[in-house]
Protein backbone atom coordinates (compact mmCIF):
# COMPACT_ATOMS: atom_id res chain seq x y z
CA UNK A 1 -21.83 -18.08 -42.49
CA UNK A 2 -18.25 -17.24 -43.51
CA UNK A 3 -15.44 -18.00 -41.12
CA UNK A 4 -14.63 -15.04 -38.92
CA UNK A 5 -11.12 -13.94 -38.08
CA UNK A 6 -9.79 -14.20 -34.58
CA UNK A 7 -9.78 -10.38 -34.44
CA UNK A 8 -13.50 -10.32 -35.23
CA UNK A 9 -14.18 -12.96 -32.61
CA UNK A 10 -12.12 -11.08 -30.08
CA UNK A 11 -14.11 -7.89 -30.72
CA UNK A 12 -17.37 -9.78 -30.29
CA UNK A 13 -16.20 -11.38 -27.05
CA UNK A 14 -15.32 -7.93 -25.66
CA UNK A 15 -18.74 -6.59 -26.65
CA UNK A 16 -20.46 -9.54 -24.98
CA UNK A 17 -18.35 -8.93 -21.88
CA UNK A 18 -19.65 -5.36 -21.70
CA UNK A 19 -23.21 -6.64 -22.13
CA UNK A 20 -22.64 -9.16 -19.34
CA UNK A 21 -21.30 -6.46 -17.01
CA UNK A 22 -24.37 -4.32 -17.59
CA UNK A 23 -26.66 -7.18 -16.53
CA UNK A 24 -24.57 -8.77 -13.80
CA UNK A 25 -23.55 -5.68 -11.86
CA UNK A 26 -26.68 -3.54 -11.83
CA UNK A 27 -26.97 -1.39 -8.71
CA UNK A 28 -30.16 -0.61 -6.86
CA UNK A 29 -31.13 2.29 -4.64
CA UNK A 30 -29.40 2.46 -1.25
CA UNK A 31 -31.63 1.36 1.65
CA UNK A 32 -30.31 2.85 4.91
CA UNK A 33 -30.13 0.32 7.70
CA UNK A 34 -30.54 -2.61 5.28
CA UNK A 35 -27.73 -2.30 2.75
CA UNK A 36 -24.12 -2.46 3.87
CA UNK A 37 -21.78 0.53 3.75
CA UNK A 38 -18.34 -1.08 3.29
CA UNK A 39 -15.06 0.51 4.35
CA UNK A 40 -13.55 -0.32 0.97
CA UNK A 41 -14.01 -2.34 -2.18
CA UNK A 42 -13.35 -2.62 -5.88
CA UNK A 43 -14.74 0.14 -8.09
CA UNK A 44 -14.89 -1.02 -11.69
CA UNK A 45 -17.01 -1.08 -14.82
CA UNK A 46 -17.04 -2.91 -18.14
CA UNK A 47 -13.60 -1.56 -19.08
CA UNK A 48 -11.81 -3.64 -16.45
CA UNK A 49 -13.71 -6.78 -17.46
CA UNK A 50 -12.92 -6.22 -21.14
CA UNK A 51 -9.21 -5.75 -20.38
CA UNK A 52 -9.23 -8.88 -18.22
CA UNK A 53 -10.91 -10.98 -20.90
CA UNK A 54 -8.61 -9.55 -23.57
CA UNK A 55 -5.59 -10.66 -21.51
CA UNK A 56 -7.10 -14.09 -20.94
CA UNK A 57 -7.45 -14.61 -24.69
CA UNK A 58 -3.69 -14.18 -25.04
CA UNK A 59 -3.35 -17.06 -22.55
CA UNK A 60 -0.04 -15.54 -21.46
CA UNK A 61 -0.56 -16.22 -17.80
CA UNK A 62 2.65 -14.82 -16.37
CA UNK A 63 3.97 -11.26 -16.66
CA UNK A 64 3.45 -9.91 -20.19
CA UNK A 65 2.38 -6.99 -22.34
CA UNK A 66 -0.09 -5.47 -19.88
CA UNK A 67 2.50 -5.59 -17.08
CA UNK A 68 4.97 -3.86 -19.39
CA UNK A 69 2.38 -1.18 -20.14
CA UNK A 70 1.58 -0.62 -16.47
CA UNK A 71 5.27 -0.43 -15.54
CA UNK A 72 5.65 2.33 -18.15
CA UNK A 73 2.53 4.34 -17.29
CA UNK A 74 2.33 4.18 -13.50
CA UNK A 75 5.74 5.78 -12.83
CA UNK A 76 4.65 8.77 -14.93
CA UNK A 77 1.69 9.28 -12.62
CA UNK A 78 3.82 9.04 -9.48
CA UNK A 79 6.81 10.93 -10.82
CA UNK A 80 9.49 8.26 -10.51
CA UNK A 81 11.70 6.51 -13.02
CA UNK A 82 11.31 2.80 -12.25
CA UNK A 83 8.38 0.52 -11.38
CA UNK A 84 8.61 -3.22 -10.69
CA UNK A 85 5.32 -5.10 -10.32
CA UNK A 86 4.94 -7.79 -7.67
CA UNK A 87 2.06 -9.96 -6.48
CA UNK A 88 1.02 -7.87 -3.45
CA UNK A 89 1.79 -4.76 -1.44
CA UNK A 90 3.18 -6.99 1.30
CA UNK A 91 5.56 -8.55 -1.22
CA UNK A 92 6.49 -5.05 -2.34
CA UNK A 93 7.51 -4.20 1.23
CA UNK A 94 9.47 -7.44 1.53
CA UNK A 95 11.32 -6.94 -1.76
CA UNK A 96 11.95 -3.23 -1.18
CA UNK A 97 13.69 -3.72 2.15
CA UNK A 98 15.39 -6.97 1.15
CA UNK A 99 16.90 -5.19 -1.85
CA UNK A 100 18.79 -2.98 0.58
CA UNK A 101 20.62 -6.06 1.94
CA UNK A 102 22.20 -6.79 -1.45
CA UNK A 103 26.00 -7.21 -1.42
CA UNK A 104 25.95 -5.19 -4.64
CA UNK A 105 25.37 -2.10 -2.46
CA UNK A 106 28.80 -2.63 -0.88
CA UNK A 107 29.26 -0.74 2.41
CA UNK A 108 25.67 0.59 2.33
CA UNK A 109 24.14 -2.89 2.33
CA UNK A 110 22.05 -3.63 5.40
CA UNK A 111 23.50 -6.44 7.49
CA UNK A 112 21.99 -8.66 10.19
CA UNK A 113 21.72 -6.69 13.40
CA UNK A 114 21.44 -3.30 11.71
CA UNK A 115 18.57 -1.16 12.95
CA UNK A 116 15.55 0.18 11.05
CA UNK A 117 13.37 2.95 12.51
CA UNK A 118 9.64 2.29 12.28
CA UNK A 119 6.45 2.86 14.29
CA UNK A 120 4.64 0.60 16.74
CA UNK A 121 1.14 1.50 15.48
CA UNK A 122 1.47 0.23 11.93
CA UNK A 123 0.49 -2.57 9.61
CA UNK A 124 2.33 -5.87 10.17
CA UNK A 125 3.82 -6.12 6.71
CA UNK A 126 5.62 -2.80 7.14
CA UNK A 127 7.34 -4.32 10.15
CA UNK A 128 7.72 -7.94 9.08
CA UNK A 129 10.46 -7.46 6.43
CA UNK A 130 12.68 -5.88 9.10
CA UNK A 131 12.40 -9.01 11.23
CA UNK A 132 12.52 -11.39 8.26
CA UNK A 133 15.85 -9.88 7.19
CA UNK A 134 17.36 -10.31 10.67
CA UNK A 135 17.35 -6.57 11.23
CA UNK A 136 16.31 -4.84 14.46
CA UNK A 137 13.22 -2.59 14.51
CA UNK A 138 13.48 0.63 16.50
CA UNK A 139 9.95 1.62 17.51
CA UNK A 140 8.75 5.18 17.84
CA UNK A 141 5.30 6.31 18.89
CA UNK A 142 2.75 7.92 16.59
CA UNK A 143 0.81 11.11 17.23
CA UNK A 144 -2.95 11.23 17.38
CA UNK A 145 -4.70 12.67 15.33
CA UNK A 146 -2.30 12.36 12.34
CA UNK A 147 -1.50 8.72 13.25
CA UNK A 148 1.99 9.19 11.84
CA UNK A 149 5.45 8.96 13.38
CA UNK A 150 6.29 11.37 16.21
CA UNK A 151 9.22 13.15 14.59
CA UNK A 152 10.18 14.84 17.88
CA UNK A 153 11.94 11.61 18.92
CA UNK A 154 13.64 10.86 15.58
CA UNK A 155 17.11 12.12 16.47
CA UNK A 156 16.98 10.28 19.78
CA UNK A 157 16.29 7.04 17.88
CA UNK A 158 19.64 7.09 16.08
CA UNK A 159 22.12 4.53 17.38
CA UNK A 160 25.48 3.27 16.12
CA UNK A 161 23.81 0.60 13.94
CA UNK A 162 20.78 2.58 12.70
CA UNK A 163 20.83 2.30 8.91
CA UNK A 164 17.30 2.79 7.57
CA UNK A 165 13.78 4.12 8.11
CA UNK A 166 10.70 2.19 6.97
CA UNK A 167 7.31 3.75 7.68
CA UNK A 168 3.92 4.18 6.04
CA UNK A 169 1.77 7.19 5.24
CA UNK A 170 -1.05 6.14 7.57
CA UNK A 171 -4.46 5.83 5.89
CA UNK A 172 -3.24 8.08 3.06
CA UNK A 173 -2.08 10.88 5.37
CA UNK A 174 1.59 11.78 4.58
CA UNK A 175 4.01 11.65 7.47
CA UNK A 176 6.32 14.62 8.03
CA UNK A 177 8.51 14.10 4.99
CA UNK A 178 10.47 17.25 5.70
CA UNK A 179 11.70 16.01 9.08
CA UNK A 180 12.14 12.39 8.02
CA UNK A 181 14.06 13.07 4.81
CA UNK A 182 16.29 15.59 6.59
CA UNK A 183 17.17 12.99 9.23
CA UNK A 184 17.80 10.35 6.57
CA UNK A 185 20.14 12.66 4.68
CA UNK A 186 21.94 13.81 7.83
CA UNK A 187 22.68 10.24 8.95
CA UNK A 188 23.00 8.59 5.52
CA UNK A 189 19.98 6.33 6.15
CA UNK A 190 17.96 4.47 3.56
CA UNK A 191 14.31 5.58 3.43
CA UNK A 192 11.57 3.13 2.44
CA UNK A 193 8.20 4.85 1.90
CA UNK A 194 5.24 2.53 2.36
CA UNK A 195 2.61 4.23 0.17
CA UNK A 196 0.22 1.28 0.05
CA UNK A 197 -2.62 3.37 1.53
CA UNK A 198 -1.58 6.71 0.07
CA UNK A 199 -1.51 6.66 -3.72
CA UNK A 200 -1.74 10.24 -5.00
CA UNK A 201 -1.10 11.97 -1.68
CA UNK A 202 1.30 14.92 -1.82
CA UNK A 203 3.70 16.78 0.44
CA UNK A 204 4.51 20.35 -0.68
CA UNK A 205 2.96 19.47 -4.03
CA UNK A 206 5.19 16.43 -4.61
CA UNK A 207 3.65 12.97 -4.66
CA UNK A 208 4.51 10.49 -1.95
CA UNK A 209 6.62 7.67 -3.27
CA UNK A 210 9.14 10.12 -4.73
CA UNK A 211 10.94 11.01 -1.49
CA UNK A 212 12.41 7.67 -0.46
CA UNK A 213 15.15 5.54 -1.96
CA UNK A 214 12.43 2.99 -2.61
CA UNK A 215 8.65 3.14 -2.19
CA UNK A 216 5.86 0.60 -2.25
CA UNK A 217 2.22 0.53 -3.33
CA UNK A 218 -0.56 -2.04 -3.10
CA UNK A 219 -3.28 -2.97 -5.57
CA UNK A 220 -5.37 -5.09 -3.20
CA UNK A 221 -9.15 -4.49 -3.65
CA UNK A 222 -9.24 -2.12 -0.69
CA UNK A 223 -6.71 0.27 -2.18
CA UNK A 224 -6.89 3.23 -4.51
CA UNK A 225 -6.78 1.05 -7.62
CA UNK A 226 -6.91 -2.71 -7.75
CA UNK A 227 -5.57 -5.69 -9.62
CA UNK A 228 -7.31 -8.04 -7.18
CA UNK A 229 -3.89 -8.78 -5.75
CA UNK A 230 -0.73 -6.97 -6.73
CA UNK A 231 1.75 -4.32 -5.73
CA UNK A 232 4.79 -2.45 -6.98
CA UNK A 233 8.20 -1.21 -5.89
CA UNK A 234 9.14 2.29 -7.08
CA UNK A 235 12.57 3.91 -7.28
CA UNK A 236 14.56 6.46 -9.21
CA UNK A 237 17.65 4.23 -9.15
CA UNK A 238 18.17 1.80 -12.06
CA UNK A 239 20.63 -0.12 -9.87
CA UNK A 240 18.04 -0.59 -7.12
CA UNK A 241 15.46 -1.55 -9.77
CA UNK A 242 17.76 -4.33 -11.00
CA UNK A 243 18.29 -5.59 -7.44
CA UNK A 244 14.54 -5.45 -6.69
CA UNK A 245 13.77 -7.48 -9.79
CA UNK A 246 16.49 -10.00 -8.98
CA UNK A 247 14.98 -10.66 -5.53
CA UNK A 248 11.51 -10.76 -7.13
CA UNK A 249 12.59 -13.22 -9.84
CA UNK A 250 14.15 -16.12 -7.92
CA UNK A 251 17.33 -14.12 -7.17
CA UNK A 252 18.59 -14.55 -10.72
CA UNK A 253 21.24 -12.30 -12.18
CA UNK A 254 19.63 -12.33 -15.64
CA UNK A 255 17.23 -9.49 -16.46
CA UNK A 256 15.54 -11.07 -19.49
CA UNK A 257 11.76 -10.71 -19.48
CA UNK A 258 9.67 -13.93 -19.48
CA UNK A 259 9.83 -15.53 -22.92
CA UNK A 260 12.99 -13.55 -23.84
CA UNK A 261 16.60 -14.61 -23.79
CA UNK A 262 20.11 -13.22 -24.28
CA UNK A 263 19.03 -9.59 -23.80
CA UNK A 264 22.53 -8.80 -22.55
CA UNK A 265 24.17 -10.50 -25.56
CA UNK A 266 26.58 -12.39 -23.29
CA UNK A 267 24.36 -15.21 -22.08
CA UNK A 268 27.11 -17.83 -22.52
CA UNK A 269 30.20 -15.59 -22.31
CA UNK A 270 30.50 -14.36 -18.69
CA UNK A 271 32.21 -15.40 -15.47
CA UNK A 272 30.23 -15.45 -12.21
CA UNK A 273 31.79 -16.54 -8.93
CA UNK A 274 33.31 -19.99 -9.18
CA UNK A 275 30.84 -21.17 -11.85
CA UNK A 276 32.38 -22.47 -15.07
CA UNK A 277 33.08 -19.70 -17.56
CA UNK A 278 30.10 -19.22 -19.88
CA UNK A 279 27.57 -20.73 -17.47
CA UNK A 280 24.08 -19.88 -18.76
CA UNK A 281 23.23 -16.41 -17.46
CA UNK A 282 19.54 -17.38 -17.21
CA UNK A 283 20.52 -19.81 -14.46
CA UNK A 284 22.97 -17.61 -12.59
CA UNK A 285 21.80 -16.34 -9.19
CA UNK A 286 23.19 -13.25 -7.47
CA UNK A 287 20.71 -13.16 -4.55
CA UNK A 288 18.69 -15.56 -2.41
CA UNK A 289 15.34 -14.54 -3.85
CA UNK A 290 11.70 -15.40 -4.33
CA UNK A 291 9.16 -15.69 -7.13
CA UNK A 292 6.85 -12.75 -6.49
CA UNK A 293 5.72 -11.82 -10.00
CA UNK A 294 2.06 -11.18 -10.80
CA UNK A 295 0.07 -12.36 -13.80
CA UNK A 296 -0.72 -10.39 -16.91
CA UNK A 297 -4.44 -10.82 -16.19
CA UNK A 298 -3.97 -8.81 -13.00
CA UNK A 299 -1.89 -6.20 -14.79
CA UNK A 300 -4.58 -5.82 -17.46
CA UNK A 301 -7.09 -4.83 -14.79
CA UNK A 302 -4.53 -2.37 -13.43
CA UNK A 303 -4.07 -0.73 -16.83
CA UNK A 304 -7.82 -0.08 -16.99
CA UNK A 305 -7.92 1.13 -13.38
CA UNK A 306 -5.01 3.51 -13.87
CA UNK A 307 -7.05 5.59 -16.31
CA UNK A 308 -9.54 6.26 -13.48
CA UNK A 309 -7.06 6.89 -10.67
CA UNK A 310 -7.29 10.72 -10.63
CA UNK A 311 -11.08 10.48 -10.44
CA UNK A 312 -10.87 7.90 -7.64
CA UNK A 313 -8.52 10.10 -5.61
CA UNK A 314 -10.75 13.15 -6.06
CA UNK A 315 -13.80 11.18 -4.89
CA UNK A 316 -12.00 9.91 -1.79
CA UNK A 317 -11.10 13.48 -0.89
CA UNK A 318 -14.66 14.64 -1.53
CA UNK A 319 -16.12 11.90 0.68
CA UNK A 320 -13.60 12.63 3.43
CA UNK A 321 -14.40 16.35 3.37
CA UNK A 322 -18.14 15.71 3.62
CA UNK A 323 -17.80 13.28 6.51
CA UNK A 324 -15.35 15.60 8.26
CA UNK A 325 -17.81 18.48 8.06
CA UNK A 326 -20.70 16.36 9.30
CA UNK A 327 -18.79 15.19 12.39
CA UNK A 328 -17.51 18.57 13.58
CA UNK A 329 -20.07 18.73 16.37
CA UNK A 330 -18.84 15.44 17.90
CA UNK A 331 -15.39 16.69 18.89
CA UNK A 332 -16.20 16.80 22.59
CA UNK A 333 -16.36 12.99 22.41
CA UNK A 334 -14.32 12.06 19.34
CA UNK A 335 -10.88 13.06 18.06
CA UNK A 336 -11.18 13.79 14.35
CA UNK A 337 -8.21 13.35 11.99
CA UNK A 338 -5.71 16.08 11.19
CA UNK A 339 -2.96 16.47 8.61
CA UNK A 340 0.08 18.65 8.06
CA UNK A 341 -0.53 22.01 6.36
CA UNK A 342 2.07 21.05 3.73
CA UNK A 343 0.18 17.85 2.87
CA UNK A 344 -2.76 16.93 0.72
CA UNK A 345 -3.74 13.43 1.80
CA UNK A 346 -5.25 10.83 -0.50
CA UNK A 347 -7.49 9.25 2.10
CA UNK A 348 -7.76 5.49 2.45
CA UNK A 349 -10.25 5.81 5.27
CA UNK A 350 -11.55 8.20 7.92
CA UNK A 351 -9.87 7.56 11.30
CA UNK A 352 -11.63 8.41 14.55
CA UNK A 353 -10.34 8.10 18.11
CA UNK A 354 -12.79 7.95 21.00
CA UNK A 355 -11.82 10.24 23.87
CA UNK A 356 -11.29 8.56 27.22
CA UNK A 357 -13.92 10.92 28.64
CA UNK A 358 -16.55 9.77 26.14
CA UNK A 359 -19.44 7.92 27.84
CA UNK A 360 -19.41 5.35 25.02
CA UNK A 361 -16.23 3.38 24.38
CA UNK A 362 -14.76 2.36 21.03
CA UNK A 363 -15.99 -1.23 21.14
CA UNK A 364 -19.58 -0.17 21.81
CA UNK A 365 -19.48 2.36 18.96
CA UNK A 366 -18.07 -0.22 16.56
CA UNK A 367 -20.67 -2.80 17.55
CA UNK A 368 -23.45 -0.26 17.08
CA UNK A 369 -22.19 0.76 13.64
CA UNK A 370 -21.81 -2.83 12.52
CA UNK A 371 -25.35 -3.61 13.72
CA UNK A 372 -26.56 -0.82 11.42
CA UNK A 373 -24.52 -2.24 8.50
CA UNK A 374 -21.83 0.43 8.62
CA UNK A 375 -18.56 -1.47 8.31
CA UNK A 376 -15.60 -0.46 10.49
CA UNK A 377 -11.96 -1.39 10.87
CA UNK A 378 -9.47 -0.88 13.67
CA UNK A 379 -6.26 0.96 12.91
CA UNK A 380 -4.46 -2.22 11.90
CA UNK A 381 -2.76 -4.02 14.78
CA UNK A 382 -2.77 -1.14 17.27
CA UNK A 383 0.47 -1.31 19.24
CA UNK A 384 2.11 -4.20 17.39
CA UNK A 385 4.38 -5.01 20.30
CA UNK A 386 1.26 -6.20 22.15
CA UNK A 387 0.37 -8.62 19.33
CA UNK A 388 1.19 -12.32 19.97
CA UNK A 389 3.30 -12.57 16.81
CA UNK A 390 5.87 -10.08 18.09
CA UNK A 391 6.40 -11.38 21.60
CA UNK A 392 10.10 -11.84 22.17
CA UNK A 393 11.41 -10.14 19.01
CA UNK A 394 14.66 -8.23 19.29
CA UNK A 395 13.88 -4.52 19.22
CA UNK A 396 14.39 -1.08 20.77
CA UNK A 397 11.73 1.38 21.91
CA UNK A 398 12.45 5.11 21.97
CA UNK A 399 10.29 7.01 24.45
CA UNK A 400 6.86 5.76 25.46
CA UNK A 401 4.25 4.14 23.22
CA UNK A 402 1.32 5.80 24.99
CA UNK A 403 -0.28 7.09 21.80
CA UNK A 404 0.06 3.68 20.15
CA UNK A 405 -1.75 2.19 23.14
CA UNK A 406 -4.46 4.84 22.79
CA UNK A 407 -4.86 3.90 19.14
CA UNK A 408 -5.10 0.26 20.20
CA UNK A 409 -7.97 0.85 22.61
CA UNK A 410 -9.71 3.88 21.11
CA UNK A 411 -9.30 4.18 17.31
CA UNK A 412 -11.37 2.88 14.41
CA UNK A 413 -12.00 4.01 10.86
CA UNK A 414 -14.83 4.06 8.35
CA UNK A 415 -14.87 4.17 4.58
CA UNK A 416 -14.54 7.03 2.13
CA UNK A 417 -13.83 4.97 -0.98
CA UNK A 418 -15.21 6.08 -4.36
CA UNK A 419 -18.27 3.83 -4.46
CA UNK A 420 -19.76 5.71 -1.49
CA UNK A 421 -22.04 8.57 -2.44
CA UNK A 422 -23.21 11.49 -0.30
CA UNK A 423 -26.27 9.54 0.90
CA UNK A 424 -24.05 6.79 2.32
CA UNK A 425 -21.58 9.25 3.83
CA UNK A 426 -24.46 11.07 5.53
CA UNK A 427 -25.72 7.72 6.82
CA UNK A 428 -22.28 6.95 8.28
CA UNK A 429 -22.25 10.29 10.09
CA UNK A 430 -25.78 9.97 11.46
CA UNK A 431 -25.09 6.42 12.64
CA UNK A 432 -21.94 7.51 14.47
CA UNK A 433 -23.95 10.22 16.23
CA UNK A 434 -26.64 7.72 17.12
CA UNK A 435 -23.99 5.43 18.60
CA UNK A 436 -22.72 8.30 20.77
CA UNK A 437 -26.27 9.09 21.87
CA UNK A 438 -26.92 5.49 22.87
CA UNK A 439 -24.82 5.95 26.00
CA UNK A 440 -23.93 2.25 26.15
CA UNK A 441 -20.50 0.83 26.87
CA UNK A 442 -19.13 -2.56 25.89
């Protein structure tokens, strides 16, 4: 048998990978009451596995050609100029806000003690970077049933040290970008859009992630596309992109890609601070940073997933619409989600709040659903100020947090992700109705 080229071997390995996928990931018929109905999960086929194996054969285990490809293609989908990949959506939030503390932003740089407007009923890693950067969160309430910031109190939240807004589009439902962006412009505030749950959502026909100074997305398995782990920071500002990548890459001043050197042409010819003239630019640090890069294996999966993103978004919307129609007759007991007329959400999940007058409380409904193999999740941490981690943090609260408390005691959500078909969505709806009919309380 003649020796085969590495290209021929690579092609055979990819074919065998597709054969393996066909055998290893066969799906059977759904058995209601026996098979689980997850809230989220990875949706993939042989393409993702072939891309992953292809990347592994390069054995370039840090950021490489697939990351470069994703950073070119994903911004085109969103409608922004710059994309910087990181190792998670939480890291994206950390880097995005930390970038705004850079001395390179001069008088606009956030400084310790400056305030950042956010919501109490959010995900911890939208809040954590505010605290981690020695900034002060200013908490506003959300409104049920959009679960987004109550914009009626926005102006009241402005104080002499308020410098930024950092909030998420909850479960893929865009917050009132008209009101928020107007406030940010009026008071010269930075806006950080957390789009980790909202990829593809639009406001007045414009995709979320394009309104803020910086935006973040997540590629965790639960999200709209996955790299297993992974996230990205988006911006239209090349200057902010450079600062983001500096904080991501150890805080270095050099922008050379891994494996490259002297991209600027002045690697040994510049003066930085009090370093000796000509100090190697690859070892010059302009920020106190991290190492938050992802691997090219992850990016390869993302490149394959990105081709399917429009289909995934459409399926999420289809599943949401079906479940929404099936639950219309429960509104005397349940509060169903709503969205702004200017918005087209890209749903991460289907949120439900149990009315206080309902004879069955949230915990009993959740336990019933879980016993029937319908997975549920609470709306993140509820009112985060009641979580042990945030006891004693410096903060301000504007108005009451009554709705955040209602979310904490009465809200849960179920899945609408693309792997769920109409049979499973109908099973979710019928199981919710059975839970209401049970009449039991926790």
